[in-house]
C-alpha atoms as a PDB file:
ATOM      1  CA  MET A   1     -13.279  38.543  -9.267  1.00  0.00           C
ATOM      2  CA  SER A   2     -13.142  37.240  -5.584  1.00  0.00           C
ATOM      3  CA  GLU A   3     -12.979  39.628  -2.628  1.00  0.00           C
ATOM      4  CA  GLU A   4      -9.937  38.847  -0.220  1.00  0.00           C
ATOM      5  CA  GLU A   5      -9.735  40.050   3.222  1.00  0.00           C
ATOM      6  CA  LEU A   6      -6.638  40.255   5.203  1.00  0.00           C
ATOM      7  CA  ASP A   7      -7.659  39.833   8.882  1.00  0.00           C
ATOM      8  CA  LEU A   8      -4.861  40.803  11.159  1.00  0.00           C
ATOM      9  CA  SER A   9      -7.080  41.222  14.356  1.00  0.00           C
ATOM     10  CA  LYS A  10      -5.973  38.060  15.931  1.00  0.00           C
ATOM     11  CA  LEU A  11      -2.147  38.733  15.922  1.00  0.00           C
ATOM     12  CA  ALA A  12      -0.730  39.388  19.186  1.00  0.00           C
ATOM     13  CA  PRO A  13       2.742  39.452  20.100  1.00  0.00           C
ATOM     14  CA  GLU A  14       4.010  36.127  21.589  1.00  0.00           C
ATOM     15  CA  GLU A  15       5.583  36.321  25.073  1.00  0.00           C
ATOM     16  CA  ILE A  16       7.782  34.185  26.966  1.00  0.00           C
ATOM     17  CA  PRO A  17       8.758  34.843  30.854  1.00  0.00           C
ATOM     18  CA  VAL A  18      12.434  35.331  31.456  1.00  0.00           C
ATOM     19  CA  LYS A  19      14.300  35.533  34.632  1.00  0.00           C
ATOM     20  CA  GLY A  20      17.334  37.818  34.067  1.00  0.00           C
ATOM     21  CA  PRO A  21      20.857  37.361  35.345  1.00  0.00           C
ATOM     22  CA  ASP A  22      19.873  39.968  37.876  1.00  0.00           C
ATOM     23  CA  GLY A  23      17.251  37.580  39.372  1.00  0.00           C
ATOM     24  CA  LEU A  24      14.332  39.960  37.949  1.00  0.00           C
ATOM     25  CA  ASN A  25      11.320  38.809  35.875  1.00  0.00           C
ATOM     26  CA  TYR A  26      11.157  39.946  32.346  1.00  0.00           C
ATOM     27  CA  VAL A  27       9.046  39.151  29.336  1.00  0.00           C
ATOM     28  CA  MET A  28      10.433  38.492  25.800  1.00  0.00           C
ATOM     29  CA  ARG A  29       8.061  39.527  23.157  1.00  0.00           C
ATOM     30  CA  SER A  30       8.080  38.863  19.327  1.00  0.00           C
ATOM     31  CA  ALA A  31       9.382  41.757  17.644  1.00  0.00           C
ATOM     32  CA  SER A  32       6.996  44.567  16.761  1.00  0.00           C
ATOM     33  CA  ALA A  33       7.045  46.384  13.421  1.00  0.00           C
ATOM     34  CA  ASP A  34       9.179  49.210  14.847  1.00  0.00           C
ATOM     35  CA  ALA A  35      11.656  46.662  16.350  1.00  0.00           C
ATOM     36  CA  THR A  36      11.660  44.784  13.003  1.00  0.00           C
ATOM     37  CA  VAL A  37      12.364  48.001  10.886  1.00  0.00           C
ATOM     38  CA  ARG A  38      14.961  49.220  13.615  1.00  0.00           C
ATOM     39  CA  TYR A  39      16.788  45.901  13.872  1.00  0.00           C
ATOM     40  CA  GLU A  40      17.002  45.251  10.155  1.00  0.00           C
ATOM     41  CA  ASN A  41      18.342  48.861   9.435  1.00  0.00           C
ATOM     42  CA  ALA A  42      21.004  48.314  12.149  1.00  0.00           C
ATOM     43  CA  SER A  43      21.965  45.066  10.623  1.00  0.00           C
ATOM     44  CA  MET A  44      22.368  46.526   7.249  1.00  0.00           C
ATOM     45  CA  LYS A  45      24.598  49.213   8.628  1.00  0.00           C
ATOM     46  CA  THR A  46      27.084  46.562   9.882  1.00  0.00           C
ATOM     47  CA  ARG A  47      28.163  45.808   6.097  1.00  0.00           C
ATOM     48  CA  LYS A  48      30.146  47.771   3.791  1.00  0.00           C
ATOM     49  CA  TRP A  49      29.452  47.010   0.002  1.00  0.00           C
ATOM     50  CA  ASP A  50      31.663  47.228  -3.106  1.00  0.00           C
ATOM     51  CA  ASN A  51      31.864  46.184  -6.607  1.00  0.00           C
ATOM     52  CA  VAL A  52      34.324  43.267  -6.777  1.00  0.00           C
ATOM     53  CA  ARG A  53      35.573  41.741 -10.098  1.00  0.00           C
ATOM     54  CA  GLY A  54      35.210  37.994  -9.778  1.00  0.00           C
ATOM     55  CA  GLU A  55      37.118  35.066 -11.161  1.00  0.00           C
ATOM     56  CA  ASP A  56      34.463  34.978 -14.191  1.00  0.00           C
ATOM     57  CA  GLY A  57      35.894  38.470 -15.041  1.00  0.00           C
ATOM     58  CA  LYS A  58      32.430  39.954 -14.162  1.00  0.00           C
ATOM     59  CA  ASP A  59      31.645  42.730 -11.396  1.00  0.00           C
ATOM     60  CA  HIS A  60      29.799  41.340  -8.388  1.00  0.00           C
ATOM     61  CA  ILE A  61      28.438  43.297  -5.279  1.00  0.00           C
ATOM     62  CA  LYS A  62      30.136  41.758  -2.313  1.00  0.00           C
ATOM     63  CA  ILE A  63      30.370  42.512   1.457  1.00  0.00           C
ATOM     64  CA  ILE A  64      33.844  43.758   1.826  1.00  0.00           C
ATOM     65  CA  GLU A  65      33.773  44.737   5.499  1.00  0.00           C
ATOM     66  CA  LEU A  66      31.634  44.011   8.682  1.00  0.00           C
ATOM     67  CA  VAL A  67      31.598  46.822  11.146  1.00  0.00           C
ATOM     68  CA  ASN A  68      30.243  46.642  14.684  1.00  0.00           C
ATOM     69  CA  LEU A  69      28.372  43.207  13.924  1.00  0.00           C
ATOM     70  CA  ALA A  70      28.136  42.322  17.379  1.00  0.00           C
ATOM     71  CA  ASP A  71      26.161  45.490  18.299  1.00  0.00           C
ATOM     72  CA  VAL A  72      22.875  44.172  16.664  1.00  0.00           C
ATOM     73  CA  GLU A  73      22.418  41.424  19.170  1.00  0.00           C
ATOM     74  CA  PRO A  74      21.952  43.435  22.444  1.00  0.00           C
ATOM     75  CA  PHE A  75      20.169  45.967  20.355  1.00  0.00           C
ATOM     76  CA  LEU A  76      17.529  43.517  19.279  1.00  0.00           C
ATOM     77  CA  VAL A  77      17.314  42.045  22.617  1.00  0.00           C
ATOM     78  CA  SER A  78      16.631  45.579  24.022  1.00  0.00           C
ATOM     79  CA  LEU A  79      13.763  45.945  21.473  1.00  0.00           C
ATOM     80  CA  CYS A  80      11.998  42.852  22.724  1.00  0.00           C
ATOM     81  CA  LEU A  81      12.796  42.374  26.218  1.00  0.00           C
ATOM     82  CA  CYS A  82      10.145  44.064  28.374  1.00  0.00           C
ATOM     83  CA  GLU A  83       9.644  44.947  32.134  1.00  0.00           C
ATOM     84  CA  THR A  84       6.936  43.200  34.126  1.00  0.00           C
ATOM     85  CA  GLU A  85       4.749  44.878  36.405  1.00  0.00           C
ATOM     86  CA  GLY A  86       5.965  44.834  40.019  1.00  0.00           C
ATOM     87  CA  ASN A  87       8.591  42.190  38.963  1.00  0.00           C
ATOM     88  CA  GLN A  88       5.740  39.766  38.719  1.00  0.00           C
ATOM     89  CA  LYS A  89       6.225  36.703  36.347  1.00  0.00           C
ATOM     90  CA  GLY A  90       3.721  37.318  33.518  1.00  0.00           C
ATOM     91  CA  ARG A  91       2.698  39.736  30.945  1.00  0.00           C
ATOM     92  CA  ALA A  92       4.857  42.582  29.738  1.00  0.00           C
ATOM     93  CA  LEU A  93       4.345  46.064  31.591  1.00  0.00           C
ATOM     94  CA  LEU A  94       2.482  48.347  29.273  1.00  0.00           C
ATOM     95  CA  LYS A  95       2.692  52.283  29.085  1.00  0.00           C
ATOM     96  CA  LYS A  96      -0.478  54.295  28.718  1.00  0.00           C
ATOM     97  CA  ASP A  97      -0.226  54.030  25.107  1.00  0.00           C
ATOM     98  CA  GLY A  98      -0.179  50.222  24.948  1.00  0.00           C
ATOM     99  CA  THR A  99       3.535  50.145  24.029  1.00  0.00           C
ATOM    100  CA  PRO A 100       5.634  47.827  26.356  1.00  0.00           C
ATOM    101  CA  VAL A 101       8.383  49.145  28.800  1.00  0.00           C
ATOM    102  CA  LEU A 102      11.573  47.934  27.379  1.00  0.00           C
ATOM    103  CA  VAL A 103      14.643  46.949  29.215  1.00  0.00           C
ATOM    104  CA  PRO A 104      17.387  49.400  28.121  1.00  0.00           C
ATOM    105  CA  GLU A 105      20.287  48.293  26.019  1.00  0.00           C
ATOM    106  CA  SER A 106      22.489  49.696  28.545  1.00  0.00           C
ATOM    107  CA  LYS A 107      21.310  47.328  31.140  1.00  0.00           C
ATOM    108  CA  ILE A 108      21.449  44.409  29.030  1.00  0.00           C
ATOM    109  CA  ARG A 109      24.982  45.176  27.979  1.00  0.00           C
ATOM    110  CA  SER A 110      25.875  45.203  31.913  1.00  0.00           C
ATOM    111  CA  TRP A 111      24.836  41.588  32.270  1.00  0.00           C
ATOM    112  CA  PRO A 112      27.141  38.672  31.851  1.00  0.00           C
ATOM    113  CA  GLY A 113      28.131  37.924  28.272  1.00  0.00           C
ATOM    114  CA  ALA A 114      26.932  34.498  28.351  1.00  0.00           C
ATOM    115  CA  SER A 115      23.348  35.778  28.797  1.00  0.00           C
ATOM    116  CA  LEU A 116      23.240  37.554  25.578  1.00  0.00           C
ATOM    117  CA  THR A 117      23.276  34.544  23.036  1.00  0.00           C
ATOM    118  CA  PRO A 118      20.214  32.905  24.607  1.00  0.00           C
ATOM    119  CA  LEU A 119      18.288  36.096  24.755  1.00  0.00           C
ATOM    120  CA  PHE A 120      19.057  36.830  21.213  1.00  0.00           C
ATOM    121  CA  GLU A 121      18.187  33.463  20.042  1.00  0.00           C
ATOM    122  CA  LEU A 122      14.881  33.679  21.830  1.00  0.00           C
ATOM    123  CA  ALA A 123      14.116  36.886  20.411  1.00  0.00           C
ATOM    124  CA  ILE A 124      14.942  35.492  16.683  1.00  0.00           C
ATOM    125  CA  ARG A 125      12.677  32.464  17.722  1.00  0.00           C
ATOM    126  CA  LEU A 126       9.659  34.394  18.756  1.00  0.00           C
ATOM    127  CA  SER A 127      10.360  36.652  15.467  1.00  0.00           C
ATOM    128  CA  PRO A 128      10.675  34.184  12.602  1.00  0.00           C
ATOM    129  CA  TRP A 129      10.517  37.033  10.032  1.00  0.00           C
ATOM    130  CA  LEU A 130      13.748  38.281  11.470  1.00  0.00           C
ATOM    131  CA  ARG A 131      16.884  36.655  10.274  1.00  0.00           C
ATOM    132  CA  LYS A 132      20.198  36.282  11.967  1.00  0.00           C
ATOM    133  CA  GLN A 133      23.374  37.941  10.424  1.00  0.00           C
ATOM    134  CA  GLU A 134      24.765  34.663   8.995  1.00  0.00           C
ATOM    135  CA  ASP A 135      21.573  33.766   7.262  1.00  0.00           C
ATOM    136  CA  LYS A 136      21.561  37.013   5.328  1.00  0.00           C
ATOM    137  CA  LYS A 137      22.734  36.889   1.752  1.00  0.00           C
ATOM    138  CA  THR A 138      24.226  39.640  -0.419  1.00  0.00           C
ATOM    139  CA  PRO A 139      21.619  40.595  -2.913  1.00  0.00           C
ATOM    140  CA  ASP A 140      22.267  40.250  -6.764  1.00  0.00           C
ATOM    141  CA  PRO A 141      21.580  43.633  -8.119  1.00  0.00           C
ATOM    142  CA  LYS A 142      20.968  42.222 -11.410  1.00  0.00           C
ATOM    143  CA  ALA A 143      18.193  40.190 -10.148  1.00  0.00           C
ATOM    144  CA  LEU A 144      16.581  43.193  -8.606  1.00  0.00           C
ATOM    145  CA  LEU A 145      16.823  45.012 -11.849  1.00  0.00           C
ATOM    146  CA  SER A 146      15.706  42.236 -14.140  1.00  0.00           C
ATOM    147  CA  PRO A 147      12.523  43.056 -15.937  1.00  0.00           C
ATOM    148  CA  THR A 148       9.463  40.896 -14.849  1.00  0.00           C
ATOM    149  CA  PRO A 149       7.620  38.999 -17.503  1.00  0.00           C
ATOM    150  CA  ASP A 150       4.634  41.539 -17.296  1.00  0.00           C
ATOM    151  CA  SER A 151       7.042  44.546 -17.993  1.00  0.00           C
ATOM    152  CA  SER A 152       8.432  43.301 -21.249  1.00  0.00           C
ATOM    153  CA  THR A 153       6.363  45.473 -23.769  1.00  0.00           C
END
């Protein structure tokens, strides 16, 4: 039996300088674990699911309504866009505990609408483990409940 080691010591957030529509310098960081969880939860809350009888006569779980879908974009940006120290171009301003000082969602929502899409797309590009809303698929509950080959005893 070989020993494996998972070494995450070299993982660091990727950062890209951003000039905001207000003329100030910011840094877009890849999503942290907290940002990832909060974004995914917010994203799932935008969907209402139900059993729907398909043309094949079988029940299928489908998204029947999307609620406040656009809210997840400024939310994700607010989880990844950071203030810079003294408005200097460079690395994100960090609190004493090492977490970044994030730009409030209310400030992002006050910026011109045309600024949101490029900021959201940059956050997604820096965080490839996140998926855009349109890339998410409705899960097949039968696939989730199917027995695995090891569990059939």
